[in-house]
Protein backbone atom coordinates (compact mmCIF):
# COMPACT_ATOMS: atom_id res chain seq x y z
CA MET A 1 18.97 0.47 -16.34
CA SER A 2 21.67 -0.66 -13.93
CA GLY A 3 20.57 -1.60 -10.43
CA SER A 4 17.09 -2.17 -11.78
CA PRO A 5 14.50 -3.36 -9.26
CA VAL A 6 13.36 -5.84 -11.91
CA ALA A 7 16.83 -7.41 -12.15
CA SER A 8 17.14 -7.85 -8.39
CA ALA A 9 13.57 -9.06 -7.85
CA ALA A 10 13.29 -11.83 -10.45
CA ARG A 11 11.93 -14.32 -7.90
CA LEU A 12 9.19 -11.83 -6.94
CA LEU A 13 7.97 -11.47 -10.52
CA PRO A 14 6.24 -14.73 -11.47
CA PRO A 15 2.56 -14.02 -12.14
CA PRO A 16 0.51 -12.95 -10.41
CA VAL A 17 2.88 -10.19 -9.28
CA ASN A 18 1.91 -8.62 -5.97
CA ALA A 19 2.71 -4.88 -6.00
CA LEU A 20 2.82 -4.59 -2.20
CA ARG A 21 5.28 -7.48 -1.91
CA LEU A 22 7.42 -6.02 -4.70
CA ALA A 23 7.38 -2.56 -3.08
CA LEU A 24 8.28 -3.65 0.46
CA HIS A 25 10.64 -6.57 -0.10
CA LEU A 26 14.39 -5.95 0.14
CA GLU A 27 14.84 -7.75 -3.20
CA GLY A 28 12.19 -5.48 -4.70
CA ILE A 29 12.19 -1.70 -4.73
CA ALA A 30 12.31 -1.17 -0.93
CA PRO A 31 16.04 -0.27 -0.89
CA ARG A 32 15.35 2.46 -3.45
CA ILE A 33 12.56 4.18 -1.48
CA ALA A 34 13.88 7.24 0.36
CA ASN A 35 10.92 7.36 2.78
CA LEU A 36 10.56 3.60 3.20
CA GLY A 37 9.40 3.76 6.82
CA GLN A 38 6.59 6.21 6.03
CA TRP A 39 5.61 4.44 2.80
CA ARG A 40 5.69 1.04 4.49
CA ALA A 41 3.52 2.28 7.38
CA HIS A 42 1.03 3.74 4.88
CA LEU A 43 0.78 0.55 2.82
CA LEU A 44 0.58 -1.75 5.83
CA ALA A 45 -2.09 0.40 7.52
CA ARG A 46 -4.21 0.32 4.36
CA LEU A 47 -3.71 -3.43 3.97
CA ARG A 48 -4.58 -4.07 7.63
CA ARG A 49 -7.74 -1.96 7.24
CA GLN A 50 -8.80 -3.80 4.06
CA ALA A 51 -8.20 -7.19 5.71
CA ALA A 52 -10.30 -6.14 8.72
CA LEU A 53 -13.14 -4.67 6.65
CA THR A 54 -13.41 -7.56 4.21
CA GLY A 55 -12.49 -10.47 6.46
CA TYR A 56 -10.49 -11.81 3.52
CA ALA A 57 -7.91 -14.24 4.97
CA ALA A 58 -5.48 -13.80 2.05
CA LEU A 59 -5.15 -10.07 2.85
CA ALA A 60 -4.49 -10.81 6.53
CA ALA A 61 -1.87 -13.40 5.52
CA LEU A 62 -0.20 -10.92 3.16
CA HIS A 63 -0.16 -8.31 5.94
CA GLU A 64 1.57 -10.78 8.29
CA GLU A 65 4.05 -11.74 5.56
CA LEU A 66 4.96 -8.12 4.83
CA LEU A 67 5.34 -7.33 8.54
CA GLY A 68 8.02 -10.01 8.59
CA CYS A 69 10.07 -8.79 5.62
CA PRO A 70 13.73 -9.14 6.65
CA GLY A 71 15.82 -6.05 7.27
CA ARG A 72 12.88 -3.70 7.26
CA PRO A 73 13.22 -0.42 9.09
CA ALA A 74 10.88 0.28 11.97
CA PRO A 75 7.75 1.82 10.47
CA ASP A 76 6.95 5.44 11.04
CA PRO A 77 3.60 6.11 12.73
CA SER A 78 0.67 5.34 10.46
CA PRO A 79 -0.83 8.26 8.59
CA GLY A 80 -3.87 9.78 10.28
CA PRO A 81 -7.26 10.22 8.62
CA ALA A 82 -6.20 13.57 7.16
CA GLU A 83 -3.11 12.01 5.56
CA GLU A 84 -4.70 9.85 2.89
CA VAL A 85 -2.10 11.03 0.38
CA VAL A 86 1.46 9.92 1.08
CA ALA A 87 4.32 10.72 -1.29
CA LEU A 88 6.37 7.78 -2.53
CA ARG A 89 9.96 9.00 -2.91
CA PRO A 90 11.95 6.55 -5.05
CA ARG A 91 15.63 7.25 -5.68
CA HIS A 92 16.91 6.90 -9.23
CA ASP A 93 20.19 7.87 -10.88
CA GLY A 94 21.27 10.10 -8.01
CA GLY A 95 17.94 11.93 -7.86
CA GLU A 96 14.67 11.47 -6.08
CA LEU A 97 11.17 11.47 -7.48
CA ARG A 98 8.04 12.40 -5.53
CA LEU A 99 5.02 10.41 -6.59
CA LEU A 100 1.58 10.70 -5.02
CA SER A 101 -0.69 7.80 -4.29
CA THR A 102 -4.15 7.81 -2.84
CA MET A 103 -6.63 5.07 -2.08
CA SER A 104 -10.30 5.77 -2.68
CA THR A 105 -13.37 3.72 -1.94
CA PHE A 106 -16.51 4.45 -3.86
CA GLY A 107 -19.83 3.42 -2.38
CA THR A 108 -23.46 4.33 -2.26
CA PRO A 109 -24.68 6.67 0.48
CA GLN A 110 -27.09 4.85 2.74
CA GLY A 111 -29.84 7.39 2.13
CA ALA A 112 -29.78 6.70 -1.60
CA LEU A 113 -31.03 3.16 -0.99
CA ARG A 114 -34.09 4.18 1.05
CA ARG A 115 -37.42 4.28 -0.67
CA PRO A 116 -39.46 7.38 -0.02
CA GLY A 117 -42.27 6.79 2.46
CA PRO A 118 -45.84 7.97 2.14
CA GLY A 119 -46.16 11.73 2.02
CA SER A 120 -42.50 12.36 1.15
CA ALA A 121 -41.59 14.39 -1.88
């Protein structure tokens, strides 16, 4: 495939490959994303949230790195709570695909961990 993201992003591919870095870097697939501002805002908002919730310094460092990617367009406003699904629109061979991505977190409801007290059914 000519103009392949893989060909242009060889330095981004040594293991372990970071999908966010590959997606948002100008040597990765960023130039091929039709809605880069919206997609970038979505990914960075999710990454910022994960870094804040976990306190994991590597996520915060990655967020700062990706904020500083050269030549990036100004991000569109972050998706709101009702916009958990954002279409990724990569361009390929003169056309455009629309791919859906969603992030889900599975957990245990707090009530499920409580032991029934005396007299409860």
